[in-house]
Amino acid sequence: MKIGIVNVVPLAVEALRRALASRPDYNVLWVAQDGQQALDFCSVQRPMSC
């Protein structure tokens, strides 16, 4: 599954990355700090649920 993470808190982002890293079928495509940045990233590299 392709995943985009949207969160401004670095500790939360790292926790999510680590949790998802244990799943070989999950792939973090990008990390955005706000909604606008997430939309910009989605237009270039779309995760499953954009």
Protein backbone atom coordinates (compact mmCIF):
# COMPACT_ATOMS: atom_id res chain seq x y z
CA MET A 1 0.00 0.00 0.00
CA LYS A 2 1.31 3.45 -0.89
CA ILE A 3 1.04 5.88 2.03
CA GLY A 4 1.44 9.63 2.52
CA ILE A 5 1.90 10.96 6.03
CA VAL A 6 0.55 14.40 6.97
CA ASN A 7 1.70 15.62 10.37
CA VAL A 8 3.60 18.62 11.68
CA VAL A 9 5.04 16.83 14.73
CA PRO A 10 8.40 15.18 13.87
CA LEU A 11 8.10 12.65 16.71
CA ALA A 12 4.70 11.53 15.45
CA VAL A 13 6.02 11.22 11.89
CA GLU A 14 8.93 9.09 13.07
CA ALA A 15 6.60 6.87 15.13
CA LEU A 16 4.37 6.34 12.10
CA ARG A 17 7.36 5.60 9.86
CA ARG A 18 8.66 3.01 12.30
CA ALA A 19 5.28 1.36 12.70
CA LEU A 20 4.79 1.18 8.94
CA ALA A 21 8.35 -0.05 8.32
CA SER A 22 7.46 -3.31 10.02
CA ARG A 23 4.92 -4.00 7.26
CA PRO A 24 6.61 -5.05 4.01
CA ASP A 25 3.44 -4.33 2.04
CA TYR A 26 3.37 -0.66 3.14
CA ASN A 27 5.45 2.03 1.44
CA VAL A 28 5.65 5.62 2.73
CA LEU A 29 5.84 7.80 -0.38
CA TRP A 30 6.16 11.19 1.27
CA VAL A 31 5.66 13.24 4.43
CA ALA A 32 3.78 16.55 4.34
CA GLN A 33 3.52 19.10 7.12
CA ASP A 34 0.12 20.52 6.14
CA GLY A 35 -2.87 19.92 3.91
CA GLN A 36 -1.67 22.11 1.04
CA GLN A 37 1.68 20.35 0.91
CA ALA A 38 -0.13 16.99 0.97
CA LEU A 39 -2.24 18.04 -2.03
CA ASP A 40 0.88 19.15 -3.88
CA PHE A 41 2.56 15.80 -3.18
CA CYS A 42 -0.59 13.90 -4.20
CA SER A 43 -0.57 15.59 -7.59
CA VAL A 44 2.93 14.22 -8.22
CA GLN A 45 2.92 10.88 -6.39
CA ARG A 46 -0.50 9.61 -5.41
CA PRO A 47 -0.93 7.32 -2.40
CA MET A 48 -3.86 4.88 -2.21
CA SER A 49 -6.46 7.19 -0.67
CA CYS A 50 -5.90 10.65 -2.21
